Every structure is written in C-alpha cells, then in structure tokens.
C-alpha cells in the first residue's frame, strides 16, 4: 500500500471511531438530561417541598441562636464570659438529643411527627 492509501484508511477508521463516540455521548447526554429533569421535577412534590421548607427554617433558627447566644448570655443574663463555652456545649447537646428524638419520632409517625414536635 502506498502512503495515500494508508492515510485514507487511517482517516476512515478515525472518522468512524469519532462518529461512534459522538453517537454514544449523545445518547448518554440525553439520558442524563432526562434524569436531571426527573430529579429536579420532584422538588415540586409536596413531601419534598415540605421537607426543604422545614429544614430551611430549622437551619435558619439554629444559626440565629448560635450567632446570638454569646451576646445574649453576656448582655441579658449578665453572666461572666467564662460561661459561654458551657452555653454553647448545652446548645450542642440539645441539638444532638433533638436529632435523635426527632429521628425516632419521624420513624414512628412520619410527617405527623412535625406536629408532635411543635406542641
């Protein structure tokens, strides 16, 4: 075979491989976009929206308390600054106990546990 024939064969093989790769990537891309749409569309279901809303409010409350715990202890209760670590530790222990108790309540009562926890 002369050099031109070898070049033609190489170009033909490479173009076939690239075409098949592009076809496979297109199919994978279509699958991902369908899956992504399906996952994103579940956000609008009631259960997922309720869970995200409850989590957002809970996290906002937690960070608010955590941010203002030391100033409140110092200015409102007039304790000495040495008590701040104990207040933060109590807040952390309360969060751990709340997570354990909340998980057990949710396992038992599902979304009705939110009402039990709020009362």
N, C-alpha and C. Protein backbone atom coordinates (compact mmCIF):
# COMPACT_ATOMS: atom_id res chain seq x y z
N UNK A 1 0.85 -1.19 0.00
CA UNK A 1 0.00 0.00 0.00
C UNK A 1 0.88 1.24 0.00
N UNK A 2 0.46 2.17 -0.77
CA UNK A 2 1.22 3.40 -0.77
C UNK A 2 0.74 4.31 0.36
N UNK A 3 1.42 5.41 0.55
CA UNK A 3 1.15 6.29 1.69
C UNK A 3 -0.24 6.90 1.64
N UNK A 4 -0.74 7.22 0.46
CA UNK A 4 -2.07 7.83 0.33
C UNK A 4 -3.15 6.83 0.75
N UNK A 5 -2.99 5.59 0.38
CA UNK A 5 -3.98 4.58 0.76
C UNK A 5 -3.96 4.37 2.28
N UNK A 6 -2.76 4.38 2.86
CA UNK A 6 -2.68 4.23 4.32
C UNK A 6 -3.34 5.43 5.01
N UNK A 7 -3.11 6.61 4.48
CA UNK A 7 -3.71 7.80 5.06
C UNK A 7 -5.23 7.75 4.95
N UNK A 8 -5.74 7.32 3.79
CA UNK A 8 -7.18 7.20 3.60
C UNK A 8 -7.77 6.19 4.58
N UNK A 9 -7.11 5.07 4.77
CA UNK A 9 -7.60 4.05 5.70
C UNK A 9 -7.59 4.58 7.13
N UNK A 10 -6.54 5.29 7.49
CA UNK A 10 -6.45 5.85 8.84
C UNK A 10 -7.55 6.88 9.08
N UNK A 11 -7.76 7.76 8.12
CA UNK A 11 -8.82 8.77 8.24
C UNK A 11 -10.18 8.11 8.33
N UNK A 12 -10.42 7.07 7.55
CA UNK A 12 -11.70 6.37 7.59
C UNK A 12 -11.92 5.72 8.94
N UNK A 13 -10.90 5.08 9.48
CA UNK A 13 -11.04 4.43 10.79
C UNK A 13 -11.28 5.46 11.88
N UNK A 14 -10.47 6.55 11.86
CA UNK A 14 -10.62 7.58 12.88
C UNK A 14 -11.99 8.27 12.81
N UNK A 15 -12.46 8.55 11.61
CA UNK A 15 -13.76 9.21 11.49
C UNK A 15 -14.88 8.28 11.95
N UNK A 16 -14.75 6.98 11.69
CA UNK A 16 -15.75 6.03 12.16
C UNK A 16 -15.75 5.97 13.68
N UNK A 17 -14.57 5.93 14.28
CA UNK A 17 -14.48 5.91 15.74
C UNK A 17 -15.04 7.19 16.35
N UNK A 18 -14.72 8.33 15.76
CA UNK A 18 -15.22 9.59 16.29
C UNK A 18 -16.73 9.69 16.14
N UNK A 19 -17.26 9.21 15.03
CA UNK A 19 -18.71 9.23 14.83
C UNK A 19 -19.40 8.34 15.85
N UNK A 20 -18.87 7.16 16.09
CA UNK A 20 -19.50 6.27 17.07
C UNK A 20 -19.37 6.84 18.48
N UNK A 21 -18.26 7.50 18.78
CA UNK A 21 -18.10 8.13 20.08
C UNK A 21 -19.11 9.26 20.26
N UNK A 22 -19.28 10.08 19.23
CA UNK A 22 -20.24 11.17 19.30
C UNK A 22 -21.65 10.63 19.48
N UNK A 23 -21.98 9.55 18.80
CA UNK A 23 -23.31 8.94 18.92
C UNK A 23 -23.52 8.45 20.35
N UNK A 24 -22.53 7.77 20.91
CA UNK A 24 -22.65 7.26 22.29
C UNK A 24 -22.76 8.41 23.28
N UNK A 25 -21.96 9.46 23.10
CA UNK A 25 -22.03 10.59 24.02
C UNK A 25 -23.37 11.29 23.93
N UNK A 26 -23.95 11.36 22.74
CA UNK A 26 -25.25 11.98 22.58
C UNK A 26 -26.31 11.18 23.33
N UNK A 27 -26.25 9.87 23.24
CA UNK A 27 -27.22 9.03 23.96
C UNK A 27 -27.05 9.18 25.46
N UNK A 28 -25.79 9.23 25.93
CA UNK A 28 -25.55 9.41 27.36
C UNK A 28 -26.05 10.78 27.81
N UNK A 29 -25.79 11.80 27.01
CA UNK A 29 -26.23 13.15 27.34
C UNK A 29 -27.75 13.21 27.43
N UNK A 30 -28.46 12.57 26.50
CA UNK A 30 -29.91 12.55 26.55
C UNK A 30 -30.41 11.85 27.81
N UNK A 31 -29.76 10.75 28.20
CA UNK A 31 -30.16 10.05 29.42
C UNK A 31 -29.96 10.92 30.64
N UNK A 32 -28.82 11.62 30.70
CA UNK A 32 -28.55 12.49 31.84
C UNK A 32 -29.55 13.63 31.91
N UNK A 33 -29.87 14.24 30.78
CA UNK A 33 -30.80 15.36 30.81
C UNK A 33 -32.19 14.90 31.21
N UNK A 34 -32.61 13.70 30.76
CA UNK A 34 -33.90 13.18 31.20
C UNK A 34 -33.90 12.90 32.69
N UNK A 35 -32.80 12.31 33.18
CA UNK A 35 -32.70 12.02 34.61
C UNK A 35 -32.65 13.30 35.43
N UNK A 36 -31.92 14.28 34.96
CA UNK A 36 -31.82 15.55 35.68
C UNK A 36 -33.18 16.23 35.74
N UNK A 37 -33.94 16.21 34.65
CA UNK A 37 -35.27 16.80 34.64
C UNK A 37 -36.17 16.07 35.63
N UNK A 38 -36.08 14.74 35.66
CA UNK A 38 -36.92 13.96 36.57
C UNK A 38 -36.57 14.28 38.03
N UNK A 39 -35.27 14.39 38.32
CA UNK A 39 -34.85 14.70 39.69
C UNK A 39 -35.29 16.10 40.08
N UNK A 40 -35.08 17.06 39.19
CA UNK A 40 -35.47 18.43 39.50
C UNK A 40 -36.98 18.61 39.59
N UNK A 41 -37.74 17.82 38.85
CA UNK A 41 -39.19 17.95 38.90
C UNK A 41 -39.76 17.42 40.21
N UNK A 42 -39.01 16.57 40.93
CA UNK A 42 -39.51 16.07 42.21
C UNK A 42 -39.48 17.14 43.29
N UNK A 43 -38.74 18.22 43.09
CA UNK A 43 -38.70 19.29 44.08
C UNK A 43 -40.09 19.88 44.28
N UNK A 44 -40.91 19.87 43.26
CA UNK A 44 -42.22 20.49 43.37
C UNK A 44 -43.26 19.58 44.00
N UNK A 45 -42.89 18.34 44.36
CA UNK A 45 -43.85 17.49 45.06
C UNK A 45 -44.03 18.01 46.48
N UNK A 46 -45.17 17.74 47.09
CA UNK A 46 -45.49 18.28 48.41
C UNK A 46 -44.50 17.79 49.46
N UNK A 47 -44.20 16.52 49.48
CA UNK A 47 -43.33 15.97 50.52
C UNK A 47 -41.93 16.59 50.47
N UNK A 48 -41.38 16.71 49.27
CA UNK A 48 -40.04 17.28 49.15
C UNK A 48 -40.06 18.77 49.50
N UNK A 49 -41.07 19.49 49.04
CA UNK A 49 -41.16 20.92 49.35
C UNK A 49 -41.34 21.14 50.85
N UNK A 50 -42.16 20.32 51.49
CA UNK A 50 -42.36 20.45 52.93
C UNK A 50 -41.07 20.16 53.69
N UNK A 51 -40.36 19.14 53.27
CA UNK A 51 -39.10 18.79 53.92
C UNK A 51 -38.07 19.90 53.76
N UNK A 52 -37.95 20.46 52.56
CA UNK A 52 -37.00 21.54 52.34
C UNK A 52 -37.37 22.80 53.12
N UNK A 53 -38.66 23.08 53.23
CA UNK A 53 -39.11 24.25 53.98
C UNK A 53 -38.80 24.09 55.46
N UNK A 54 -39.12 22.91 56.00
CA UNK A 54 -38.85 22.66 57.42
C UNK A 54 -37.35 22.73 57.70
N UNK A 55 -36.55 22.14 56.82
CA UNK A 55 -35.10 22.17 57.01
C UNK A 55 -34.55 23.59 56.93
N UNK A 56 -35.06 24.39 56.00
CA UNK A 56 -34.59 25.78 55.87
C UNK A 56 -34.92 26.60 57.11
N UNK A 57 -36.12 26.45 57.61
CA UNK A 57 -36.50 27.19 58.81
C UNK A 57 -35.68 26.71 60.01
N UNK A 58 -35.48 25.41 60.10
CA UNK A 58 -34.69 24.87 61.21
C UNK A 58 -33.26 25.33 61.18
N UNK A 59 -32.64 25.30 60.00
CA UNK A 59 -31.25 25.76 59.90
C UNK A 59 -31.12 27.25 60.17
N UNK A 60 -32.08 28.03 59.70
CA UNK A 60 -32.04 29.47 59.96
C UNK A 60 -32.15 29.73 61.46
N UNK A 61 -33.04 29.02 62.13
CA UNK A 61 -33.18 29.18 63.57
C UNK A 61 -31.93 28.76 64.32
N UNK A 62 -31.32 27.66 63.89
CA UNK A 62 -30.12 27.17 64.56
C UNK A 62 -28.98 28.19 64.43
N UNK A 63 -28.76 28.71 63.25
CA UNK A 63 -27.68 29.66 63.07
C UNK A 63 -27.97 30.99 63.77
N UNK A 64 -29.23 31.36 63.86
CA UNK A 64 -29.58 32.58 64.59
C UNK A 64 -29.25 32.42 66.07
N UNK A 65 -29.67 31.29 66.66
CA UNK A 65 -29.37 31.05 68.07
C UNK A 65 -27.87 30.98 68.28
N UNK A 66 -27.18 30.26 67.42
CA UNK A 66 -25.73 30.10 67.58
C UNK A 66 -25.02 31.44 67.49
N UNK A 67 -25.48 32.32 66.61
CA UNK A 67 -24.83 33.63 66.43
C UNK A 67 -25.07 34.56 67.61
N UNK A 68 -26.26 34.50 68.20
CA UNK A 68 -26.61 35.45 69.26
C UNK A 68 -26.55 34.86 70.65
N UNK A 69 -26.07 33.63 70.81
CA UNK A 69 -26.04 33.01 72.13
C UNK A 69 -25.07 33.73 73.06
N UNK A 70 -23.86 33.97 72.61
CA UNK A 70 -22.86 34.63 73.47
C UNK A 70 -23.28 36.06 73.83
N UNK A 71 -23.70 36.91 72.87
CA UNK A 71 -24.13 38.26 73.26
C UNK A 71 -25.33 38.25 74.21
N UNK A 72 -26.25 37.31 74.00
CA UNK A 72 -27.41 37.23 74.89
C UNK A 72 -26.98 36.81 76.29
N UNK A 73 -26.09 35.85 76.37
CA UNK A 73 -25.61 35.43 77.69
C UNK A 73 -24.90 36.57 78.41
N UNK A 74 -24.12 37.34 77.68
CA UNK A 74 -23.35 38.41 78.30
C UNK A 74 -24.21 39.62 78.67
N UNK A 75 -25.10 40.03 77.77
CA UNK A 75 -25.82 41.28 77.98
C UNK A 75 -27.14 41.11 78.69
N UNK A 76 -27.84 40.00 78.47
CA UNK A 76 -29.16 39.84 79.08
C UNK A 76 -29.05 39.15 80.44
N UNK A 77 -28.35 38.02 80.48
CA UNK A 77 -28.25 37.28 81.74
C UNK A 77 -27.11 37.77 82.62
N UNK A 78 -26.21 38.59 82.07
CA UNK A 78 -25.09 39.19 82.80
C UNK A 78 -24.16 38.15 83.43
N UNK A 79 -23.97 37.01 82.75
CA UNK A 79 -23.01 36.02 83.25
C UNK A 79 -21.62 36.42 82.80
N UNK A 80 -20.63 35.86 83.43
CA UNK A 80 -19.25 36.17 83.04
C UNK A 80 -18.91 35.43 81.75
N UNK A 81 -17.94 35.92 81.00
CA UNK A 81 -17.59 35.29 79.72
C UNK A 81 -17.12 33.83 79.85
N UNK A 82 -16.74 33.40 81.04
CA UNK A 82 -16.31 32.01 81.20
C UNK A 82 -17.45 31.01 81.02
N UNK A 83 -18.70 31.47 81.09
CA UNK A 83 -19.85 30.58 80.95
C UNK A 83 -20.27 30.37 79.49
N UNK A 84 -19.71 31.10 78.57
CA UNK A 84 -20.09 30.97 77.15
C UNK A 84 -19.81 29.57 76.62
N UNK A 85 -18.66 28.95 76.88
CA UNK A 85 -18.46 27.58 76.37
C UNK A 85 -19.48 26.58 76.92
N UNK A 86 -19.91 26.78 78.17
CA UNK A 86 -20.92 25.88 78.73
C UNK A 86 -22.28 26.09 78.05
N UNK A 87 -22.59 27.33 77.73
CA UNK A 87 -23.83 27.60 76.99
C UNK A 87 -23.80 26.99 75.60
N UNK A 88 -22.67 27.11 74.92
CA UNK A 88 -22.53 26.51 73.59
C UNK A 88 -22.57 24.99 73.67
N UNK A 89 -21.95 24.42 74.72
CA UNK A 89 -22.00 22.97 74.89
C UNK A 89 -23.42 22.50 75.15
N UNK A 90 -24.17 23.25 75.96
CA UNK A 90 -25.57 22.88 76.22
C UNK A 90 -26.39 22.96 74.93
N UNK A 91 -26.11 23.99 74.13
CA UNK A 91 -26.81 24.10 72.84
C UNK A 91 -26.49 22.91 71.94
N UNK A 92 -25.22 22.49 71.91
CA UNK A 92 -24.83 21.34 71.09
C UNK A 92 -25.44 20.04 71.59
N UNK A 93 -25.44 19.83 72.90
CA UNK A 93 -26.03 18.60 73.46
C UNK A 93 -27.53 18.58 73.19
N UNK A 94 -28.17 19.73 73.33
CA UNK A 94 -29.60 19.81 73.00
C UNK A 94 -29.87 19.49 71.54
N UNK A 95 -28.97 19.92 70.64
CA UNK A 95 -29.13 19.59 69.22
C UNK A 95 -28.97 18.12 68.95
N UNK A 96 -28.02 17.49 69.63
CA UNK A 96 -27.81 16.04 69.45
C UNK A 96 -29.03 15.27 69.95
N UNK A 97 -29.49 15.62 71.16
CA UNK A 97 -30.67 14.93 71.71
C UNK A 97 -31.89 15.18 70.83
N UNK A 98 -32.04 16.40 70.34
CA UNK A 98 -33.16 16.71 69.44
C UNK A 98 -33.10 15.93 68.14
N UNK A 99 -31.90 15.74 67.59
CA UNK A 99 -31.76 14.95 66.36
C UNK A 99 -32.14 13.49 66.59
N UNK A 100 -31.69 12.94 67.70
CA UNK A 100 -32.02 11.54 67.99
C UNK A 100 -33.51 11.38 68.23
N UNK A 101 -34.08 12.25 69.08
CA UNK A 101 -35.51 12.16 69.38
C UNK A 101 -36.35 12.45 68.13
N UNK A 102 -35.93 13.46 67.35
CA UNK A 102 -36.68 13.77 66.12
C UNK A 102 -36.64 12.64 65.11
N UNK A 103 -35.50 11.97 65.00
CA UNK A 103 -35.40 10.83 64.09
C UNK A 103 -36.30 9.69 64.51
N UNK A 104 -36.34 9.41 65.82
CA UNK A 104 -37.21 8.34 66.31
C UNK A 104 -38.68 8.71 66.12
N UNK A 105 -39.04 9.97 66.38
CA UNK A 105 -40.41 10.41 66.15
C UNK A 105 -40.80 10.28 64.68
N UNK A 106 -39.89 10.69 63.79
CA UNK A 106 -40.21 10.62 62.36
C UNK A 106 -40.32 9.17 61.90
N UNK A 107 -39.46 8.29 62.40
CA UNK A 107 -39.57 6.88 62.04
C UNK A 107 -40.91 6.31 62.45
N UNK A 108 -41.42 6.79 63.57
CA UNK A 108 -42.67 6.23 64.07
C UNK A 108 -43.91 6.89 63.45
N UNK A 109 -43.89 8.23 63.31
CA UNK A 109 -45.10 8.96 62.91
C UNK A 109 -45.01 9.63 61.54
N UNK A 110 -43.90 9.52 60.84
CA UNK A 110 -43.67 10.17 59.55
C UNK A 110 -43.86 11.69 59.68
N UNK A 111 -44.61 12.33 58.78
CA UNK A 111 -44.73 13.79 58.82
C UNK A 111 -45.63 14.28 59.95
N UNK A 112 -46.42 13.40 60.54
CA UNK A 112 -47.22 13.81 61.71
C UNK A 112 -46.31 14.15 62.89
N UNK A 113 -45.06 13.66 62.87
CA UNK A 113 -44.12 13.95 63.97
C UNK A 113 -43.81 15.43 64.05
N UNK A 114 -43.95 16.16 62.97
CA UNK A 114 -43.68 17.60 63.00
C UNK A 114 -44.67 18.28 63.95
N UNK A 115 -45.91 17.88 63.90
CA UNK A 115 -46.92 18.43 64.81
C UNK A 115 -46.65 18.05 66.25
N UNK A 116 -46.20 16.82 66.48
CA UNK A 116 -45.88 16.40 67.84
C UNK A 116 -44.68 17.16 68.38
N UNK A 117 -43.70 17.40 67.53
CA UNK A 117 -42.52 18.13 67.97
C UNK A 117 -42.81 19.59 68.22
N UNK A 118 -43.75 20.16 67.49
CA UNK A 118 -44.07 21.58 67.64
C UNK A 118 -44.94 21.85 68.87
N UNK A 119 -45.62 20.81 69.34
CA UNK A 119 -46.51 21.05 70.50
C UNK A 119 -45.83 20.79 71.82
